[in-house]
Amino acid sequence: MPLKDLWSGPAATYSGLGFTIAGSVLGIFFLGWWIDGMTGTKPLLAIVGAFIGMAGGFINLVRTLNQLQKEQEQKKNEATDE
């Protein structure tokens, strides 16, 4: 398999999953930190935001992995039918 095809398919998806989780956690954490600074509730909303970001990132991880598994099973079934 050529390297270009590898990085445009599953490898790109799998490598992006870690960045998705980190981005979710950090993005919502800093949003909470910013709101904390405006309301004077530091660090309450930042911590809550980090947990919400973590939950959202893991939900996205599970959905993506389930989708990839279904696609692989479909390809496997198509290959055995031929």
C-alpha atoms as a PDB file:
ATOM      1  CA  MET A   1       0.000   0.000   0.000  1.00  0.00           C
ATOM      2  CA  PRO A   2       1.489   3.359  -0.980  1.00  0.00           C
ATOM      3  CA  LEU A   3       2.285   5.742   1.857  1.00  0.00           C
ATOM      4  CA  LYS A   4      -0.069   8.391   0.440  1.00  0.00           C
ATOM      5  CA  ASP A   5      -3.026   5.972   0.552  1.00  0.00           C
ATOM      6  CA  LEU A   6      -2.161   4.920   4.092  1.00  0.00           C
ATOM      7  CA  TRP A   7      -2.213   8.476   5.453  1.00  0.00           C
ATOM      8  CA  SER A   8      -5.407   9.402   3.636  1.00  0.00           C
ATOM      9  CA  GLY A   9      -7.331   6.479   5.109  1.00  0.00           C
ATOM     10  CA  PRO A  10      -7.437   4.777   8.479  1.00  0.00           C
ATOM     11  CA  ALA A  11      -4.076   6.012   9.739  1.00  0.00           C
ATOM     12  CA  ALA A  12      -5.203   9.617   9.447  1.00  0.00           C
ATOM     13  CA  THR A  13      -8.398   8.819  11.314  1.00  0.00           C
ATOM     14  CA  TYR A  14      -6.653   6.930  14.118  1.00  0.00           C
ATOM     15  CA  SER A  15      -3.952   9.561  14.573  1.00  0.00           C
ATOM     16  CA  GLY A  16      -6.560  12.305  14.672  1.00  0.00           C
ATOM     17  CA  LEU A  17      -8.490  10.672  17.512  1.00  0.00           C
ATOM     18  CA  GLY A  18      -5.931  11.625  20.150  1.00  0.00           C
ATOM     19  CA  PHE A  19      -5.897  15.216  18.964  1.00  0.00           C
ATOM     20  CA  THR A  20      -9.686  15.267  19.092  1.00  0.00           C
ATOM     21  CA  ILE A  21      -9.752  14.237  22.743  1.00  0.00           C
ATOM     22  CA  ALA A  22      -6.979  16.669  23.684  1.00  0.00           C
ATOM     23  CA  GLY A  23      -8.645  19.479  21.760  1.00  0.00           C
ATOM     24  CA  SER A  24     -11.985  18.837  23.425  1.00  0.00           C
ATOM     25  CA  VAL A  25     -10.504  18.842  26.910  1.00  0.00           C
ATOM     26  CA  LEU A  26      -8.279  21.869  26.405  1.00  0.00           C
ATOM     27  CA  GLY A  27     -10.813  23.885  24.434  1.00  0.00           C
ATOM     28  CA  ILE A  28     -13.606  23.603  26.948  1.00  0.00           C
ATOM     29  CA  PHE A  29     -11.158  23.912  29.873  1.00  0.00           C
ATOM     30  CA  PHE A  30      -9.928  27.268  28.588  1.00  0.00           C
ATOM     31  CA  LEU A  31     -13.468  28.396  27.852  1.00  0.00           C
ATOM     32  CA  GLY A  32     -14.332  27.612  31.482  1.00  0.00           C
ATOM     33  CA  TRP A  33     -11.158  29.370  32.651  1.00  0.00           C
ATOM     34  CA  TRP A  34     -12.126  32.481  30.687  1.00  0.00           C
ATOM     35  CA  ILE A  35     -15.663  32.489  32.102  1.00  0.00           C
ATOM     36  CA  ASP A  36     -14.186  31.912  35.582  1.00  0.00           C
ATOM     37  CA  GLY A  37     -12.074  35.017  35.151  1.00  0.00           C
ATOM     38  CA  MET A  38     -15.133  37.083  34.269  1.00  0.00           C
ATOM     39  CA  THR A  39     -17.312  35.726  37.077  1.00  0.00           C
ATOM     40  CA  GLY A  40     -14.683  35.260  39.812  1.00  0.00           C
ATOM     41  CA  THR A  41     -15.364  31.542  40.306  1.00  0.00           C
ATOM     42  CA  LYS A  42     -11.843  30.256  39.532  1.00  0.00           C
ATOM     43  CA  PRO A  43     -11.198  27.304  39.031  1.00  0.00           C
ATOM     44  CA  LEU A  44     -14.699  25.798  39.246  1.00  0.00           C
ATOM     45  CA  LEU A  45     -15.838  26.173  35.631  1.00  0.00           C
ATOM     46  CA  ALA A  46     -12.407  25.270  34.278  1.00  0.00           C
ATOM     47  CA  ILE A  47     -12.498  21.927  36.101  1.00  0.00           C
ATOM     48  CA  VAL A  48     -16.097  21.283  35.084  1.00  0.00           C
ATOM     49  CA  GLY A  49     -15.165  22.203  31.511  1.00  0.00           C
ATOM     50  CA  ALA A  50     -12.268  19.759  31.512  1.00  0.00           C
ATOM     51  CA  PHE A  51     -14.575  16.928  32.588  1.00  0.00           C
ATOM     52  CA  ILE A  52     -17.200  17.876  30.007  1.00  0.00           C
ATOM     53  CA  GLY A  53     -14.511  18.020  27.322  1.00  0.00           C
ATOM     54  CA  MET A  54     -13.189  14.625  28.399  1.00  0.00           C
ATOM     55  CA  ALA A  55     -16.656  13.082  28.237  1.00  0.00           C
ATOM     56  CA  GLY A  56     -17.312  14.611  24.827  1.00  0.00           C
ATOM     57  CA  GLY A  57     -13.945  13.458  23.512  1.00  0.00           C
ATOM     58  CA  PHE A  58     -14.486   9.891  24.674  1.00  0.00           C
ATOM     59  CA  ILE A  59     -18.005   9.807  23.229  1.00  0.00           C
ATOM     60  CA  ASN A  60     -16.564  10.931  19.906  1.00  0.00           C
ATOM     61  CA  LEU A  61     -13.807   8.308  20.218  1.00  0.00           C
ATOM     62  CA  VAL A  62     -16.303   5.483  20.766  1.00  0.00           C
ATOM     63  CA  ARG A  63     -18.518   6.642  17.884  1.00  0.00           C
ATOM     64  CA  THR A  64     -15.594   6.882  15.500  1.00  0.00           C
ATOM     65  CA  LEU A  65     -14.198   3.481  16.474  1.00  0.00           C
ATOM     66  CA  ASN A  66     -17.629   1.860  16.080  1.00  0.00           C
ATOM     67  CA  GLN A  67     -18.004   3.422  12.654  1.00  0.00           C
ATOM     68  CA  LEU A  68     -14.556   2.232  11.576  1.00  0.00           C
ATOM     69  CA  GLN A  69     -15.301  -1.269  12.847  1.00  0.00           C
ATOM     70  CA  LYS A  70     -18.548  -1.409  10.846  1.00  0.00           C
ATOM     71  CA  GLU A  71     -16.737  -0.238   7.720  1.00  0.00           C
ATOM     72  CA  GLN A  72     -14.071  -2.923   8.163  1.00  0.00           C
ATOM     73  CA  GLU A  73     -16.719  -5.616   8.680  1.00  0.00           C
ATOM     74  CA  GLN A  74     -18.535  -4.487   5.529  1.00  0.00           C
ATOM     75  CA  LYS A  75     -15.304  -4.626   3.516  1.00  0.00           C
ATOM     76  CA  LYS A  76     -14.557  -8.061   4.960  1.00  0.00           C
ATOM     77  CA  ASN A  77     -18.035  -9.328   4.056  1.00  0.00           C
ATOM     78  CA  GLU A  78     -17.777  -7.912   0.534  1.00  0.00           C
ATOM     79  CA  ALA A  79     -14.403  -9.614   0.083  1.00  0.00           C
ATOM     80  CA  THR A  80     -15.763 -13.002   1.191  1.00  0.00           C
ATOM     81  CA  ASP A  81     -18.863 -12.685  -1.024  1.00  0.00           C
ATOM     82  CA  GLU A  82     -16.761 -12.285  -4.152  1.00  0.00           C
END
